[in-house]
N, C-alpha and C. Protein backbone atom coordinates (compact mmCIF):
# COMPACT_ATOMS: atom_id res chain seq x y z
N MET A 1 4.78 38.67 1.43
CA MET A 1 4.32 37.74 2.44
C MET A 1 4.61 36.30 2.00
N ALA A 2 5.13 35.51 2.92
CA ALA A 2 5.50 34.13 2.58
C ALA A 2 4.27 33.23 2.51
N LYS A 3 4.38 32.20 1.70
CA LYS A 3 3.29 31.24 1.54
C LYS A 3 3.25 30.34 2.76
N ILE A 4 2.07 30.02 3.24
CA ILE A 4 1.91 29.14 4.41
C ILE A 4 2.18 27.70 4.01
N LYS A 5 3.03 27.05 4.81
CA LYS A 5 3.41 25.65 4.49
C LYS A 5 2.30 24.73 4.92
N LYS A 6 1.98 23.75 4.06
CA LYS A 6 0.94 22.77 4.39
C LYS A 6 1.47 21.74 5.33
N LYS A 7 0.57 21.18 6.13
CA LYS A 7 0.92 20.14 7.08
C LYS A 7 1.19 18.84 6.33
N GLY A 8 2.25 18.13 6.71
CA GLY A 8 2.56 16.83 6.12
C GLY A 8 3.35 16.88 4.83
N THR A 9 3.88 18.05 4.45
CA THR A 9 4.62 18.16 3.21
C THR A 9 6.13 18.22 3.43
N SER A 10 6.58 18.24 4.68
CA SER A 10 8.01 18.26 4.95
C SER A 10 8.28 17.62 6.28
N GLY A 11 9.54 17.35 6.53
CA GLY A 11 9.94 16.76 7.81
C GLY A 11 9.63 15.29 7.88
N ALA A 12 9.33 14.82 9.10
CA ALA A 12 9.11 13.39 9.35
C ALA A 12 7.91 12.85 8.54
N ALA A 13 6.89 13.66 8.34
CA ALA A 13 5.71 13.20 7.63
C ALA A 13 6.03 12.85 6.18
N LYS A 14 7.01 13.53 5.61
CA LYS A 14 7.38 13.26 4.23
C LYS A 14 8.48 12.19 4.11
N ASN A 15 9.36 12.15 5.09
CA ASN A 15 10.54 11.26 5.01
C ASN A 15 10.21 9.80 5.32
N TYR A 16 9.13 9.55 6.06
CA TYR A 16 8.80 8.19 6.46
C TYR A 16 7.45 7.77 5.87
N ILE A 17 7.31 6.46 5.64
CA ILE A 17 6.08 5.89 5.13
C ILE A 17 5.80 4.61 5.92
N THR A 18 4.55 4.34 6.21
CA THR A 18 4.20 3.15 6.96
C THR A 18 4.31 1.90 6.06
N ARG A 19 4.37 0.74 6.67
CA ARG A 19 4.50 -0.50 5.91
C ARG A 19 3.29 -0.72 5.01
N THR A 20 2.10 -0.43 5.52
CA THR A 20 0.87 -0.62 4.72
C THR A 20 0.88 0.29 3.51
N GLN A 21 1.29 1.56 3.71
CA GLN A 21 1.35 2.48 2.58
C GLN A 21 2.38 2.01 1.56
N ALA A 22 3.51 1.47 2.04
CA ALA A 22 4.54 0.98 1.13
C ALA A 22 4.06 -0.19 0.29
N VAL A 23 3.34 -1.13 0.94
CA VAL A 23 2.81 -2.29 0.21
C VAL A 23 1.81 -1.86 -0.84
N ARG A 24 0.96 -0.90 -0.50
CA ARG A 24 -0.03 -0.40 -1.48
C ARG A 24 0.67 0.33 -2.65
N LYS A 25 1.71 1.09 -2.31
CA LYS A 25 2.41 1.84 -3.36
C LYS A 25 3.12 0.92 -4.33
N LEU A 26 3.71 -0.16 -3.82
CA LEU A 26 4.41 -1.13 -4.66
C LEU A 26 3.48 -2.13 -5.35
N GLN A 27 2.24 -2.21 -4.89
CA GLN A 27 1.21 -3.11 -5.45
C GLN A 27 1.64 -4.56 -5.39
N ILE A 28 2.16 -4.98 -4.25
CA ILE A 28 2.54 -6.38 -4.05
C ILE A 28 1.97 -6.85 -2.71
N SER A 29 2.01 -8.15 -2.48
CA SER A 29 1.53 -8.69 -1.22
C SER A 29 2.57 -8.49 -0.12
N LEU A 30 2.16 -8.64 1.10
CA LEU A 30 3.07 -8.46 2.25
C LEU A 30 4.21 -9.48 2.24
N PRO A 31 3.97 -10.77 1.98
CA PRO A 31 5.12 -11.70 1.91
C PRO A 31 6.12 -11.35 0.81
N ASP A 32 5.63 -10.90 -0.35
CA ASP A 32 6.54 -10.46 -1.41
C ASP A 32 7.31 -9.22 -1.00
N PHE A 33 6.66 -8.32 -0.30
CA PHE A 33 7.34 -7.12 0.19
C PHE A 33 8.46 -7.48 1.17
N ARG A 34 8.17 -8.44 2.03
CA ARG A 34 9.21 -8.90 2.98
C ARG A 34 10.39 -9.48 2.25
N ARG A 35 10.10 -10.36 1.24
CA ARG A 35 11.19 -10.96 0.48
C ARG A 35 12.02 -9.91 -0.25
N LEU A 36 11.35 -8.95 -0.85
CA LEU A 36 12.06 -7.89 -1.57
C LEU A 36 12.94 -7.07 -0.66
N CYS A 37 12.43 -6.76 0.52
CA CYS A 37 13.22 -5.98 1.48
C CYS A 37 14.44 -6.76 1.96
N ILE A 38 14.30 -8.06 2.14
CA ILE A 38 15.42 -8.90 2.56
C ILE A 38 16.47 -8.94 1.43
N PHE A 39 16.02 -9.14 0.18
CA PHE A 39 16.95 -9.17 -0.93
C PHE A 39 17.74 -7.88 -1.07
N LYS A 40 17.06 -6.74 -0.91
CA LYS A 40 17.67 -5.44 -1.14
C LYS A 40 18.30 -4.82 0.11
N GLY A 41 18.10 -5.43 1.25
CA GLY A 41 18.72 -4.93 2.50
C GLY A 41 18.02 -3.69 3.05
N ILE A 42 16.75 -3.57 2.85
CA ILE A 42 15.99 -2.43 3.37
C ILE A 42 15.26 -2.90 4.62
N TYR A 43 15.41 -2.13 5.69
CA TYR A 43 14.83 -2.54 6.96
C TYR A 43 14.05 -1.35 7.57
N PRO A 44 13.15 -1.63 8.51
CA PRO A 44 12.34 -0.57 9.13
C PRO A 44 13.20 0.43 9.88
N ARG A 45 12.73 1.67 9.97
CA ARG A 45 13.43 2.74 10.67
C ARG A 45 12.55 3.25 11.80
N GLU A 46 13.18 3.86 12.75
CA GLU A 46 12.49 4.43 13.89
C GLU A 46 12.56 5.96 13.78
N PRO A 47 11.45 6.65 13.47
CA PRO A 47 11.48 8.12 13.40
C PRO A 47 11.62 8.74 14.78
N ARG A 48 12.10 9.95 14.82
CA ARG A 48 12.25 10.65 16.11
C ARG A 48 10.91 10.85 16.79
N ASN A 49 9.93 11.26 15.99
CA ASN A 49 8.62 11.51 16.55
C ASN A 49 7.60 10.69 15.73
N LYS A 50 7.17 9.57 16.31
CA LYS A 50 6.26 8.67 15.60
C LYS A 50 4.93 9.35 15.27
N LYS A 51 4.48 10.21 16.15
CA LYS A 51 3.16 10.83 15.96
C LYS A 51 3.17 11.74 14.73
N LYS A 52 4.27 12.48 14.54
CA LYS A 52 4.35 13.36 13.37
C LYS A 52 4.53 12.56 12.08
N ALA A 53 5.24 11.44 12.19
CA ALA A 53 5.51 10.63 11.01
C ALA A 53 4.28 9.88 10.54
N SER A 54 3.40 9.48 11.48
CA SER A 54 2.24 8.66 11.11
C SER A 54 1.09 9.45 10.57
N LYS A 55 1.01 10.73 10.85
CA LYS A 55 -0.06 11.61 10.36
C LYS A 55 -1.42 11.25 10.92
N THR A 56 -1.48 10.42 11.95
CA THR A 56 -2.77 10.04 12.56
C THR A 56 -2.65 10.19 14.06
N SER A 57 -3.77 10.03 14.77
CA SER A 57 -3.76 10.16 16.21
C SER A 57 -3.02 9.00 16.88
N THR A 58 -3.16 7.79 16.35
CA THR A 58 -2.45 6.65 16.89
C THR A 58 -1.23 6.33 16.01
N PRO A 59 -0.04 6.39 16.54
CA PRO A 59 1.13 6.15 15.72
C PRO A 59 1.25 4.71 15.28
N SER A 60 1.62 4.51 14.00
CA SER A 60 1.83 3.17 13.46
C SER A 60 3.14 2.60 14.01
N THR A 61 3.35 1.32 13.80
CA THR A 61 4.51 0.68 14.42
C THR A 61 5.71 0.56 13.48
N THR A 62 5.49 0.33 12.19
CA THR A 62 6.59 0.05 11.28
C THR A 62 6.69 1.15 10.21
N PHE A 63 7.86 1.79 10.16
CA PHE A 63 8.10 2.85 9.20
C PHE A 63 9.29 2.51 8.32
N TYR A 64 9.24 2.99 7.06
CA TYR A 64 10.37 2.85 6.14
C TYR A 64 10.66 4.23 5.57
N TYR A 65 11.90 4.45 5.12
CA TYR A 65 12.21 5.68 4.45
C TYR A 65 11.47 5.73 3.11
N THR A 66 10.91 6.89 2.79
CA THR A 66 10.18 7.06 1.54
C THR A 66 11.13 6.83 0.35
N ARG A 67 12.38 7.26 0.52
CA ARG A 67 13.34 7.10 -0.59
C ARG A 67 13.64 5.62 -0.84
N ASP A 68 13.67 4.82 0.21
CA ASP A 68 13.90 3.39 0.03
C ASP A 68 12.77 2.76 -0.78
N ILE A 69 11.54 3.17 -0.50
CA ILE A 69 10.38 2.63 -1.24
C ILE A 69 10.41 3.10 -2.69
N GLN A 70 10.80 4.36 -2.91
CA GLN A 70 10.95 4.86 -4.28
C GLN A 70 12.00 4.06 -5.04
N TYR A 71 13.07 3.69 -4.34
CA TYR A 71 14.14 2.87 -4.91
C TYR A 71 13.59 1.50 -5.29
N LEU A 72 12.73 0.92 -4.48
CA LEU A 72 12.16 -0.38 -4.77
C LEU A 72 11.18 -0.37 -5.94
N LEU A 73 10.57 0.79 -6.22
CA LEU A 73 9.63 0.89 -7.34
C LEU A 73 10.27 0.57 -8.67
N HIS A 74 11.57 0.84 -8.81
CA HIS A 74 12.27 0.64 -10.08
C HIS A 74 13.10 -0.65 -10.07
N GLU A 75 12.78 -1.55 -9.21
CA GLU A 75 13.55 -2.80 -9.03
C GLU A 75 13.07 -3.87 -10.04
N PRO A 76 14.02 -4.52 -10.78
CA PRO A 76 13.61 -5.57 -11.70
C PRO A 76 13.01 -6.79 -10.99
N LEU A 77 13.39 -7.05 -9.76
CA LEU A 77 12.83 -8.18 -9.01
C LEU A 77 11.32 -8.02 -8.83
N LEU A 78 10.86 -6.79 -8.74
CA LEU A 78 9.42 -6.53 -8.55
C LEU A 78 8.63 -7.06 -9.74
N LYS A 79 9.17 -6.85 -10.94
CA LYS A 79 8.52 -7.38 -12.15
C LYS A 79 8.49 -8.89 -12.14
N ARG A 80 9.58 -9.50 -11.67
CA ARG A 80 9.65 -10.95 -11.63
C ARG A 80 8.62 -11.54 -10.65
N PHE A 81 8.46 -10.88 -9.50
CA PHE A 81 7.47 -11.34 -8.52
C PHE A 81 6.07 -11.29 -9.13
N ARG A 82 5.79 -10.22 -9.86
CA ARG A 82 4.47 -10.09 -10.50
C ARG A 82 4.27 -11.15 -11.57
N ASP A 83 5.32 -11.43 -12.34
CA ASP A 83 5.25 -12.47 -13.37
C ASP A 83 5.01 -13.84 -12.75
N GLN A 84 5.65 -14.12 -11.64
CA GLN A 84 5.44 -15.40 -10.94
C GLN A 84 4.01 -15.56 -10.51
N LYS A 85 3.46 -14.50 -9.95
CA LYS A 85 2.07 -14.55 -9.47
C LYS A 85 1.09 -14.75 -10.65
N ALA A 86 1.37 -14.10 -11.77
CA ALA A 86 0.51 -14.25 -12.95
C ALA A 86 0.58 -15.70 -13.47
N LEU A 87 1.77 -16.28 -13.49
CA LEU A 87 1.92 -17.67 -13.93
C LEU A 87 1.19 -18.63 -12.98
N PHE A 88 1.25 -18.37 -11.72
CA PHE A 88 0.55 -19.20 -10.73
C PHE A 88 -0.97 -19.15 -10.95
N LYS A 89 -1.47 -17.95 -11.26
CA LYS A 89 -2.92 -17.82 -11.54
C LYS A 89 -3.31 -18.58 -12.80
N LYS A 90 -2.46 -18.52 -13.84
CA LYS A 90 -2.73 -19.27 -15.07
C LYS A 90 -2.72 -20.76 -14.83
N ASP A 91 -1.78 -21.20 -13.99
CA ASP A 91 -1.65 -22.63 -13.68
C ASP A 91 -2.90 -23.12 -12.94
N CYS A 92 -3.46 -22.28 -12.08
CA CYS A 92 -4.67 -22.68 -11.34
C CYS A 92 -5.88 -22.73 -12.25
N GLN A 93 -5.87 -22.00 -13.36
CA GLN A 93 -7.01 -21.98 -14.25
C GLN A 93 -7.06 -23.14 -15.23
N VAL A 94 -5.94 -23.86 -15.35
CA VAL A 94 -5.90 -25.01 -16.29
C VAL A 94 -6.84 -26.08 -15.78
N PRO A 95 -7.79 -26.56 -16.63
CA PRO A 95 -8.71 -27.62 -16.17
C PRO A 95 -7.98 -28.87 -15.74
N ARG A 96 -8.59 -29.59 -14.83
CA ARG A 96 -7.93 -30.78 -14.26
C ARG A 96 -7.62 -31.87 -15.31
N THR A 97 -8.45 -31.95 -16.34
CA THR A 97 -8.21 -32.98 -17.38
C THR A 97 -6.94 -32.71 -18.16
N TRP A 98 -6.57 -31.44 -18.33
CA TRP A 98 -5.39 -31.10 -19.10
C TRP A 98 -4.17 -30.89 -18.21
N ARG A 99 -4.39 -30.93 -16.92
CA ARG A 99 -3.40 -30.42 -15.97
C ARG A 99 -1.97 -30.95 -16.19
N CYS A 100 -1.79 -32.23 -16.43
CA CYS A 100 -0.44 -32.82 -16.50
C CYS A 100 0.40 -32.18 -17.61
N GLY A 101 -0.14 -32.23 -18.81
CA GLY A 101 0.64 -31.73 -19.97
C GLY A 101 0.75 -30.22 -20.02
N ASP A 102 -0.40 -29.54 -19.86
CA ASP A 102 -0.40 -28.09 -20.01
C ASP A 102 0.30 -27.39 -18.87
N ALA A 103 0.15 -27.87 -17.68
CA ALA A 103 0.81 -27.24 -16.53
C ALA A 103 2.33 -27.35 -16.67
N ALA A 104 2.80 -28.51 -17.12
CA ALA A 104 4.24 -28.67 -17.31
C ALA A 104 4.75 -27.77 -18.42
N ARG A 105 3.96 -27.65 -19.49
CA ARG A 105 4.36 -26.79 -20.60
C ARG A 105 4.38 -25.33 -20.19
N LEU A 106 3.34 -24.89 -19.46
CA LEU A 106 3.29 -23.51 -18.98
C LEU A 106 4.50 -23.20 -18.10
N GLU A 107 4.78 -24.11 -17.19
CA GLU A 107 5.87 -23.90 -16.25
C GLU A 107 7.22 -23.85 -16.97
N LYS A 108 7.39 -24.74 -17.94
CA LYS A 108 8.67 -24.84 -18.65
C LYS A 108 8.90 -23.62 -19.54
N ASN A 109 7.89 -23.18 -20.26
CA ASN A 109 8.06 -22.10 -21.23
C ASN A 109 7.98 -20.72 -20.62
N ASN A 110 7.12 -20.52 -19.65
CA ASN A 110 6.83 -19.17 -19.18
C ASN A 110 7.36 -18.85 -17.81
N ALA A 111 7.99 -19.79 -17.12
CA ALA A 111 8.43 -19.53 -15.77
C ALA A 111 9.49 -18.44 -15.76
N PRO A 112 9.25 -17.34 -15.00
CA PRO A 112 10.25 -16.28 -14.93
C PRO A 112 11.44 -16.73 -14.06
N LYS A 113 12.62 -16.41 -14.54
CA LYS A 113 13.83 -16.76 -13.81
C LYS A 113 14.21 -15.57 -12.93
N ILE A 114 14.34 -15.83 -11.64
CA ILE A 114 14.77 -14.78 -10.74
C ILE A 114 16.29 -14.83 -10.64
N THR A 115 16.95 -13.83 -11.17
CA THR A 115 18.39 -13.75 -11.08
C THR A 115 18.77 -12.59 -10.18
N LEU A 116 19.81 -12.80 -9.43
CA LEU A 116 20.27 -11.76 -8.51
C LEU A 116 21.57 -11.13 -9.04
N ASP A 117 21.78 -11.15 -10.35
CA ASP A 117 23.00 -10.63 -10.94
C ASP A 117 23.16 -9.12 -10.72
N HIS A 118 22.05 -8.40 -10.80
CA HIS A 118 22.13 -6.94 -10.73
C HIS A 118 22.34 -6.41 -9.31
N MET A 119 22.37 -7.30 -8.34
CA MET A 119 22.56 -6.85 -6.96
C MET A 119 23.97 -6.50 -6.75
């Protein structure tokens, strides 16, 4: 006797992921996600059956291929975006009395360089 297939493990439910799920999986903000998608040329797709792809009663509006999001997980630009955000947080924590010298030093020494050589 064959094993019963679980719902949502194949077909449109597995091949597509919503934008919100993609942002959570990549652990970045929505503006960073948009920038990354523009850099890498990844754009939203339209599944044949939105209801099956969304796994909910109300179909979501924006879907991406799951493989595209997996591809973005291993992207060096993703690390650079995170480094930039960490540097910005450190810059905001510098007290106002030290701000001129220390902020310039932090920015000069630790600023991550975003290079697009690997594209």
